[in-house]
Amino acid sequence: MTATGSEEKSLNFETRAVHAGGHPDPESGAIAPPIHLSTTFERKADGETPHGYGYIRETNPTQERLEAALATLDGGAASLAFSSGMAAGAAVAQSLRPGARIILTADSYYSFRVLASDFLQNWGIECQLVSMHRPDEVEAALARPADLVWAETPSNPLMNITDIREVAALAHRGGARLLVDGTFATPALQRPLEQGADIVLHSTTKYLGGHSDVQGGSLTFLHKDDFYERVLHVRHILGAVASPFNSWLVLRGIRSLSARMRMHCANASAVAQFLASHEAVEMVHYPGLPTDPGHGTASRQMLAFGGMVSFRVRGDRARAIAVVAATRIFVRATSLGGVESLIEHRASSEGPLSKVPENLIRLSVGLEHPDDLIDDLRQALQGGSESGAPS
């Protein structure tokens, strides 16, 4: 992108997404960014790096392009790309001092809760789980000093909505930073740094990549401060960097992010409305439904409501698994954010320590025609007896 910083900020998000990190290659004029696969770069005899690059674990040109793009989209001072979303989150925790305290969303992504239970204590870090969508619980937890408040909105898989502005005010009043995991929303729908957060985390594996073919993670920082430097040092030494090819794939995905998210949102809304009206469904978790507890807050801080839907069938675990087994278009798989629609019995995916309701099913609603997706869910809820859907 050849626009200046001030010009970039004046452009609409869709334009920034297409052009961020997409400036033509100065050597060849290529429109598609080049992939620099080299693990090492030429130095002078005294060790200086005349081209600005020394070794792949420190940085590389393709990863640098991606980080510039992510900073532009999230509206931050700087971004860091990682090998996975988990690596990005772990780097934040590893950058805290022993004796630090984290307040974490109780219904956050399962592996982050495992990080808290299995690793943080070994690193000398205390973690308290709270229902982040209830600000009074956050305020009560902050009665004791904390270093980091870690929110996730919408949450995975219950789709709870945290009021970013309110929790940011509480965190800052208590002397803590606020990190928001915005993976479900993406910067196309929600930009936490503009609402008071200090750090935003994404699993770029999901919607930013967008095609179920890349793993990555990112952190974007409101300020390029000492904490950013500590996280950068953790990544440099411990090595959880993004590979050049994966960085390139995420850059490719970002260019179509806005268009894909519009279709994901429209399809998810149609699916959620269908499920909310079906007699075999006990409850639907989707902030786009006016009846959803988080609808009001989501309407204020999100541009649209995303492509993720979860719902609870009327019945037990066996009934939920039977519904998942009966779908023909929805693919039974973990992960989310690709062009194809996915379905899973979330408690089974998380394993024996899961706290997810046993009758809950999670959907990643893809880019197929919504009528086909609804027909597939209808026949699955009715026992898979209808014909006509693809095998």
Protein backbone atom coordinates (compact mmCIF):
# COMPACT_ATOMS: atom_id res chain seq x y z
CA MET A 1 0.00 0.00 0.00
CA THR A 2 1.54 3.29 -1.06
CA ALA A 3 -0.74 5.60 0.93
CA THR A 4 0.77 7.50 3.88
CA GLY A 5 -0.19 6.62 7.47
CA SER A 6 -2.74 9.43 7.72
CA GLU A 7 -4.21 8.53 4.32
CA GLU A 8 -4.48 4.87 5.36
CA LYS A 9 -6.55 5.80 8.42
CA SER A 10 -8.97 7.79 6.25
CA LEU A 11 -9.65 4.82 3.98
CA ASN A 12 -12.52 2.42 4.57
CA PHE A 13 -11.65 -0.94 6.13
CA GLU A 14 -12.41 -2.90 2.96
CA THR A 15 -9.87 -0.83 1.01
CA ARG A 16 -7.25 -1.19 3.72
CA ALA A 17 -7.77 -4.97 3.86
CA VAL A 18 -7.18 -5.33 0.11
CA HIS A 19 -4.07 -3.16 0.04
CA ALA A 20 -2.44 -3.64 3.48
CA GLY A 21 0.86 -5.40 3.00
CA GLY A 22 0.10 -5.64 -0.71
CA HIS A 23 2.37 -3.01 -2.24
CA PRO A 24 4.00 -4.18 -5.48
CA ASP A 25 7.37 -5.86 -5.13
CA PRO A 26 9.97 -3.10 -5.72
CA GLU A 27 12.34 -5.44 -7.58
CA SER A 28 9.94 -7.13 -10.01
CA GLY A 29 6.75 -5.08 -9.86
CA ALA A 30 4.81 -8.25 -8.91
CA ILE A 31 1.35 -7.53 -7.49
CA ALA A 32 1.26 -10.72 -5.41
CA PRO A 33 3.76 -10.40 -2.53
CA PRO A 34 6.91 -12.49 -2.92
CA ILE A 35 7.70 -15.29 -0.46
CA HIS A 36 11.18 -15.08 1.03
CA LEU A 37 12.01 -18.60 2.18
CA SER A 38 15.62 -17.99 3.15
CA THR A 39 16.48 -18.89 6.73
CA THR A 40 19.50 -16.60 6.85
CA PHE A 41 20.56 -13.31 5.27
CA GLU A 42 23.84 -11.76 4.16
CA ARG A 43 25.86 -9.91 6.78
CA LYS A 44 28.92 -7.70 6.64
CA ALA A 45 32.21 -9.03 8.01
CA ASP A 46 31.58 -7.22 11.29
CA GLY A 47 28.16 -8.86 11.68
CA GLU A 48 26.03 -5.92 10.60
CA THR A 49 22.89 -6.68 8.58
CA PRO A 50 22.83 -4.19 5.67
CA HIS A 51 19.43 -5.39 4.46
CA GLY A 52 17.79 -5.32 7.88
CA TYR A 53 17.48 -9.10 8.25
CA GLY A 54 19.80 -11.56 9.94
CA TYR A 55 18.04 -14.82 10.78
CA ILE A 56 14.54 -16.15 10.15
CA ARG A 57 13.64 -16.53 13.83
CA GLU A 58 14.17 -12.81 14.35
CA THR A 59 12.16 -11.62 11.37
CA ASN A 60 11.88 -12.06 7.63
CA PRO A 61 10.46 -9.92 4.81
CA THR A 62 7.23 -11.91 4.33
CA GLN A 63 6.39 -12.00 8.02
CA GLU A 64 7.19 -8.29 8.22
CA ARG A 65 4.65 -7.57 5.47
CA LEU A 66 2.02 -9.52 7.36
CA GLU A 67 2.72 -7.70 10.61
CA ALA A 68 2.40 -4.32 8.89
CA ALA A 69 -0.94 -5.43 7.44
CA LEU A 70 -2.24 -6.68 10.78
CA ALA A 71 -1.28 -3.46 12.55
CA THR A 72 -3.18 -1.50 9.89
CA LEU A 73 -6.31 -3.66 10.18
CA ASP A 74 -6.40 -3.74 13.98
CA GLY A 75 -5.48 -0.07 14.29
CA GLY A 76 -2.42 -0.64 16.46
CA ALA A 77 1.13 0.62 16.66
CA ALA A 78 2.70 -2.78 15.95
CA SER A 79 1.85 -6.44 15.39
CA LEU A 80 3.69 -9.69 15.92
CA ALA A 81 2.95 -12.84 13.93
CA PHE A 82 3.24 -16.29 15.53
CA SER A 83 3.13 -19.93 14.53
CA SER A 84 -0.35 -20.35 16.10
CA GLY A 85 -2.92 -18.51 18.17
CA MET A 86 -1.85 -20.58 21.17
CA ALA A 87 1.76 -19.51 20.65
CA ALA A 88 0.66 -15.88 20.60
CA GLY A 89 -1.29 -16.24 23.84
CA ALA A 90 1.49 -18.20 25.54
CA ALA A 91 4.00 -15.50 24.60
CA VAL A 92 1.91 -12.91 26.43
CA ALA A 93 1.83 -15.07 29.56
CA GLN A 94 5.57 -15.79 29.29
CA SER A 95 6.25 -12.06 29.15
CA LEU A 96 4.72 -11.50 32.59
CA ARG A 97 6.91 -11.52 35.67
CA PRO A 98 6.73 -14.33 38.26
CA GLY A 99 4.07 -13.36 40.79
CA ALA A 100 1.86 -11.79 38.13
CA ARG A 101 -1.90 -12.33 38.13
CA ILE A 102 -4.19 -12.88 35.15
CA ILE A 103 -7.98 -12.60 35.14
CA LEU A 104 -9.21 -14.87 32.33
CA THR A 105 -12.59 -15.38 30.70
CA ALA A 106 -14.12 -18.49 32.26
CA ASP A 107 -15.58 -19.67 28.94
CA SER A 108 -12.56 -18.82 26.83
CA TYR A 109 -11.04 -21.13 24.23
CA TYR A 110 -10.45 -24.52 25.85
CA SER A 111 -6.70 -24.64 25.28
CA PHE A 112 -6.19 -21.26 26.95
CA ARG A 113 -7.92 -22.65 30.04
CA VAL A 114 -5.57 -25.64 29.86
CA LEU A 115 -2.67 -23.18 29.59
CA ALA A 116 -3.91 -21.63 32.82
CA SER A 117 -4.40 -24.91 34.69
CA ASP A 118 -1.33 -26.80 33.49
CA PHE A 119 1.39 -24.19 32.91
CA LEU A 120 0.84 -20.78 34.49
CA GLN A 121 1.38 -21.98 38.03
CA ASN A 122 4.73 -23.49 36.99
CA TRP A 123 5.71 -20.07 35.67
CA GLY A 124 4.76 -18.39 38.95
CA ILE A 125 1.63 -16.79 37.52
CA GLU A 126 -1.77 -16.84 39.21
CA CYS A 127 -4.91 -17.09 37.11
CA GLN A 128 -8.51 -16.45 38.13
CA LEU A 129 -11.44 -17.40 35.89
CA VAL A 130 -14.42 -15.03 35.82
CA SER A 131 -17.55 -14.62 33.71
CA MET A 132 -16.19 -11.69 31.73
CA HIS A 133 -19.61 -10.84 30.28
CA ARG A 134 -20.64 -9.93 33.84
CA PRO A 135 -18.67 -6.75 34.64
CA ASP A 136 -19.44 -7.02 38.34
CA GLU A 137 -17.39 -10.24 38.46
CA VAL A 138 -14.49 -8.49 36.73
CA GLU A 139 -14.69 -5.61 39.18
CA ALA A 140 -14.73 -7.99 42.15
CA ALA A 141 -11.71 -9.89 40.79
CA LEU A 142 -9.83 -6.61 40.39
CA ALA A 143 -10.19 -5.89 44.10
CA ARG A 144 -6.83 -7.68 44.24
CA PRO A 145 -4.07 -6.31 41.97
CA ALA A 146 -3.84 -7.92 38.53
CA ASP A 147 -1.46 -7.48 35.64
CA LEU A 148 -3.64 -8.67 32.77
CA VAL A 149 -7.34 -9.02 32.06
CA TRP A 150 -7.84 -11.52 29.23
CA ALA A 151 -11.21 -11.32 27.50
CA GLU A 152 -12.66 -13.21 24.56
CA THR A 153 -15.65 -11.84 22.71
CA PRO A 154 -17.63 -13.52 21.28
CA SER A 155 -16.55 -16.43 23.46
CA ASN A 156 -15.93 -19.98 22.30
CA PRO A 157 -18.33 -21.79 22.16
CA LEU A 158 -21.08 -20.08 24.20
CA MET A 159 -20.88 -16.82 22.21
CA ASN A 160 -20.97 -14.67 25.34
CA ILE A 161 -20.30 -10.99 24.69
CA THR A 162 -17.94 -8.91 26.83
CA ASP A 163 -18.44 -5.15 26.92
CA ILE A 164 -14.95 -4.14 25.82
CA ARG A 165 -15.21 -0.48 26.81
CA GLU A 166 -16.53 -1.27 30.28
CA VAL A 167 -14.01 -4.01 31.01
CA ALA A 168 -11.18 -1.84 29.65
CA ALA A 169 -12.14 0.93 32.06
CA LEU A 170 -12.23 -1.54 34.96
CA ALA A 171 -8.88 -3.08 33.98
CA HIS A 172 -7.11 0.26 33.61
CA ARG A 173 -8.56 1.56 36.87
CA GLY A 174 -7.06 -1.51 38.52
CA GLY A 175 -3.68 -1.02 36.85
CA ALA A 176 -4.03 -3.97 34.45
CA ARG A 177 -3.71 -4.30 30.69
CA LEU A 178 -6.64 -5.62 28.69
CA LEU A 179 -6.09 -8.30 26.05
CA VAL A 180 -9.05 -9.22 23.84
CA ASP A 181 -9.16 -12.41 21.80
CA GLY A 182 -11.03 -11.24 18.71
CA THR A 183 -10.70 -14.44 16.66
CA PHE A 184 -14.45 -14.98 16.15
CA ALA A 185 -15.12 -11.37 15.14
CA THR A 186 -11.95 -10.47 13.17
CA PRO A 187 -11.01 -6.81 12.64
CA ALA A 188 -13.61 -6.69 9.87
CA LEU A 189 -16.35 -6.75 12.52
CA GLN A 190 -14.75 -5.58 15.76
CA ARG A 191 -11.63 -3.58 16.59
CA PRO A 192 -10.96 -3.85 20.32
CA LEU A 193 -8.03 -1.40 20.34
CA GLU A 194 -10.44 1.34 19.27
CA GLN A 195 -12.63 0.47 22.27
CA GLY A 196 -10.00 0.60 24.99
CA ALA A 197 -8.09 -2.69 24.76
CA ASP A 198 -4.30 -2.74 24.89
CA ILE A 199 -3.65 -5.94 22.95
CA VAL A 200 -5.77 -7.90 20.48
CA LEU A 201 -5.12 -11.57 19.76
CA HIS A 202 -6.16 -13.51 16.67
CA SER A 203 -5.81 -17.09 15.64
CA THR A 204 -4.99 -16.27 12.02
CA THR A 205 -5.63 -19.95 11.30
CA LYS A 206 -9.31 -19.05 11.27
CA TYR A 207 -11.02 -16.24 9.34
CA LEU A 208 -7.90 -14.22 8.53
CA GLY A 209 -6.44 -17.20 6.67
CA GLY A 210 -9.93 -18.17 5.63
CA HIS A 211 -9.32 -21.38 3.69
CA SER A 212 -8.49 -24.08 6.27
CA ASP A 213 -4.96 -24.37 4.92
CA VAL A 214 -2.74 -22.32 7.25
CA GLN A 215 -1.88 -22.14 10.94
CA GLY A 216 -0.88 -18.91 12.61
CA GLY A 217 -1.55 -16.37 15.32
CA SER A 218 -1.02 -12.69 15.95
CA LEU A 219 -0.88 -9.98 18.58
CA THR A 220 -1.46 -6.31 17.84
CA PHE A 221 -0.43 -3.73 20.42
CA LEU A 222 -1.98 -0.31 20.95
CA HIS A 223 1.46 1.00 21.94
CA LYS A 224 4.91 -0.17 20.94
CA ASP A 225 6.01 -0.11 24.56
CA ASP A 226 8.16 -2.14 26.93
CA PHE A 227 5.62 -4.96 27.09
CA TYR A 228 5.66 -5.25 23.31
CA GLU A 229 9.46 -5.51 23.53
CA ARG A 230 9.20 -8.28 26.13
CA VAL A 231 6.79 -10.29 23.95
CA LEU A 232 9.07 -9.76 20.94
CA HIS A 233 12.00 -11.07 22.99
CA VAL A 234 10.02 -14.17 24.02
CA ARG A 235 9.18 -14.91 20.40
CA HIS A 236 12.76 -14.34 19.25
CA ILE A 237 14.33 -16.62 21.87
CA LEU A 238 11.66 -19.32 22.22
CA GLY A 239 11.04 -19.46 18.49
CA ALA A 240 7.26 -19.45 17.94
CA VAL A 241 7.57 -17.39 14.76
CA ALA A 242 5.32 -17.60 11.72
CA SER A 243 6.86 -19.33 8.72
CA PRO A 244 7.25 -17.26 5.53
CA PHE A 245 4.80 -19.44 3.59
CA ASN A 246 2.16 -19.29 6.33
CA SER A 247 2.64 -15.53 6.55
CA TRP A 248 2.04 -15.31 2.82
CA LEU A 249 -1.12 -17.42 3.06
CA VAL A 250 -2.56 -15.19 5.79
CA LEU A 251 -1.72 -12.11 3.69
CA ARG A 252 -3.64 -13.69 0.82
CA GLY A 253 -6.61 -14.39 3.10
CA ILE A 254 -6.74 -10.85 4.45
CA ARG A 255 -7.36 -9.47 0.97
CA SER A 256 -10.77 -11.14 0.77
CA LEU A 257 -11.63 -10.91 4.48
CA SER A 258 -14.32 -8.24 4.24
CA ALA A 259 -16.20 -9.93 1.41
CA ARG A 260 -16.04 -13.34 3.10
CA MET A 261 -17.18 -11.99 6.46
CA ARG A 262 -20.25 -10.38 4.92
CA MET A 263 -21.33 -13.76 3.55
CA HIS A 264 -20.38 -15.65 6.71
CA CYS A 265 -22.51 -13.22 8.74
CA ALA A 266 -25.51 -13.37 6.41
CA ASN A 267 -25.46 -17.16 6.32
CA ALA A 268 -25.00 -17.49 10.09
CA SER A 269 -27.88 -15.12 10.73
CA ALA A 270 -30.18 -17.19 8.50
CA VAL A 271 -29.08 -20.43 10.16
CA ALA A 272 -29.51 -18.99 13.66
CA GLN A 273 -33.01 -17.76 12.89
CA PHE A 274 -33.96 -21.18 11.54
CA LEU A 275 -32.58 -22.97 14.60
CA ALA A 276 -34.33 -20.56 16.98
CA SER A 277 -37.67 -21.52 15.45
CA HIS A 278 -37.11 -25.30 15.42
CA GLU A 279 -38.94 -27.39 17.99
CA ALA A 280 -35.98 -29.76 18.43
CA VAL A 281 -33.69 -26.90 19.53
CA GLU A 282 -33.59 -25.87 23.17
CA MET A 283 -31.42 -22.75 22.86
CA VAL A 284 -29.41 -20.87 20.25
CA HIS A 285 -26.26 -18.90 21.09
CA TYR A 286 -25.82 -16.16 18.50
CA PRO A 287 -25.48 -12.45 19.34
CA GLY A 288 -27.32 -11.45 16.19
CA LEU A 289 -30.60 -12.76 17.61
CA PRO A 290 -32.53 -9.98 19.42
CA THR A 291 -33.31 -12.51 22.17
CA ASP A 292 -29.63 -13.24 22.84
CA PRO A 293 -28.38 -11.80 26.17
CA GLY A 294 -25.39 -10.21 24.47
CA HIS A 295 -27.29 -8.69 21.55
CA GLY A 296 -27.32 -5.12 22.87
CA THR A 297 -23.63 -5.01 23.65
CA ALA A 298 -22.69 -6.76 20.41
CA SER A 299 -24.79 -4.25 18.46
CA ARG A 300 -22.75 -1.41 19.95
CA GLN A 301 -19.27 -2.85 19.47
CA MET A 302 -19.57 -5.11 16.41
CA LEU A 303 -20.39 -4.13 12.83
CA ALA A 304 -22.09 -7.51 12.31
CA PHE A 305 -22.43 -10.67 14.38
CA GLY A 306 -20.06 -13.17 12.82
CA GLY A 307 -20.21 -16.63 11.30
CA MET A 308 -20.17 -18.76 14.46
CA VAL A 309 -23.35 -20.26 15.92
CA SER A 310 -23.82 -22.77 18.71
CA PHE A 311 -27.05 -24.39 19.81
CA ARG A 312 -28.38 -26.90 22.29
CA VAL A 313 -30.65 -29.68 21.12
CA ARG A 314 -33.55 -30.90 23.22
CA GLY A 315 -32.07 -34.05 24.66
CA ASP A 316 -28.81 -35.43 25.93
CA ARG A 317 -25.29 -36.01 24.67
CA ALA A 318 -26.34 -38.98 22.54
CA ARG A 319 -29.02 -36.91 20.81
CA ALA A 320 -26.55 -34.11 20.03
CA ILE A 321 -24.03 -36.57 18.61
CA ALA A 322 -26.77 -38.15 16.48
CA VAL A 323 -27.58 -34.74 14.97
CA VAL A 324 -23.90 -34.10 14.20
CA ALA A 325 -23.63 -37.55 12.61
CA ALA A 326 -26.62 -36.91 10.34
CA THR A 327 -25.41 -33.80 8.50
CA ARG A 328 -24.43 -34.13 4.85
CA ILE A 329 -23.15 -30.68 3.89
CA PHE A 330 -21.74 -29.59 7.24
CA VAL A 331 -18.38 -31.32 7.63
CA ARG A 332 -17.62 -32.91 11.00
CA ALA A 333 -14.37 -31.19 11.98
CA THR A 334 -12.82 -28.87 14.54
CA SER A 335 -11.63 -25.34 13.71
CA LEU A 336 -13.56 -22.57 12.01
CA GLY A 337 -13.46 -19.68 9.62
CA GLY A 338 -12.96 -21.57 6.35
CA VAL A 339 -15.18 -21.38 3.28
CA GLU A 340 -16.79 -24.74 4.14
CA SER A 341 -19.33 -25.16 6.95
CA LEU A 342 -18.18 -27.26 9.91
CA ILE A 343 -20.09 -28.94 12.73
CA GLU A 344 -18.92 -30.56 15.94
CA HIS A 345 -20.15 -31.88 19.26
CA ARG A 346 -18.00 -29.47 21.20
CA ALA A 347 -17.80 -31.39 24.50
CA SER A 348 -16.44 -34.42 22.64
CA SER A 349 -13.84 -32.28 20.85
CA GLU A 350 -12.64 -30.72 24.09
CA GLY A 351 -12.41 -34.02 25.93
CA PRO A 352 -13.21 -35.25 29.44
CA LEU A 353 -12.34 -31.96 31.19
CA SER A 354 -14.76 -29.93 29.04
CA LYS A 355 -17.36 -27.79 30.81
CA VAL A 356 -19.42 -27.28 27.66
CA PRO A 357 -23.06 -28.47 27.91
CA GLU A 358 -23.33 -32.04 26.63
CA ASN A 359 -26.19 -31.16 24.29
CA LEU A 360 -24.34 -28.27 22.62
CA ILE A 361 -23.36 -28.29 18.94
CA ARG A 362 -21.00 -25.70 17.46
CA LEU A 363 -21.26 -24.51 13.86
CA SER A 364 -18.80 -22.61 11.73
CA VAL A 365 -21.14 -21.36 9.02
CA GLY A 366 -19.37 -21.20 5.68
CA LEU A 367 -20.03 -19.71 2.25
CA GLU A 368 -22.48 -22.27 0.83
CA HIS A 369 -26.02 -21.19 -0.03
CA PRO A 370 -27.93 -20.67 3.24
CA ASP A 371 -30.96 -22.63 2.00
CA ASP A 372 -28.79 -25.72 1.53
CA LEU A 373 -27.30 -25.33 5.00
CA ILE A 374 -30.73 -24.94 6.58
CA ASP A 375 -32.08 -27.95 4.71
CA ASP A 376 -29.13 -29.99 5.93
CA LEU A 377 -29.72 -29.01 9.55
CA ARG A 378 -33.46 -29.62 9.20
CA GLN A 379 -32.98 -33.19 8.03
CA ALA A 380 -30.34 -33.82 10.70
CA LEU A 381 -32.62 -32.54 13.46
CA GLN A 382 -35.39 -34.74 12.11
CA GLY A 383 -33.18 -37.81 12.31
CA GLY A 384 -31.47 -37.63 8.93
CA SER A 385 -34.48 -39.20 7.24
CA GLU A 386 -34.92 -36.68 4.44
CA SER A 387 -33.20 -37.18 1.09
CA GLY A 388 -31.87 -34.78 -1.47
CA ALA A 389 -28.76 -33.43 0.22
CA PRO A 390 -25.34 -34.38 -1.12
CA SER A 391 -23.81 -37.53 0.31
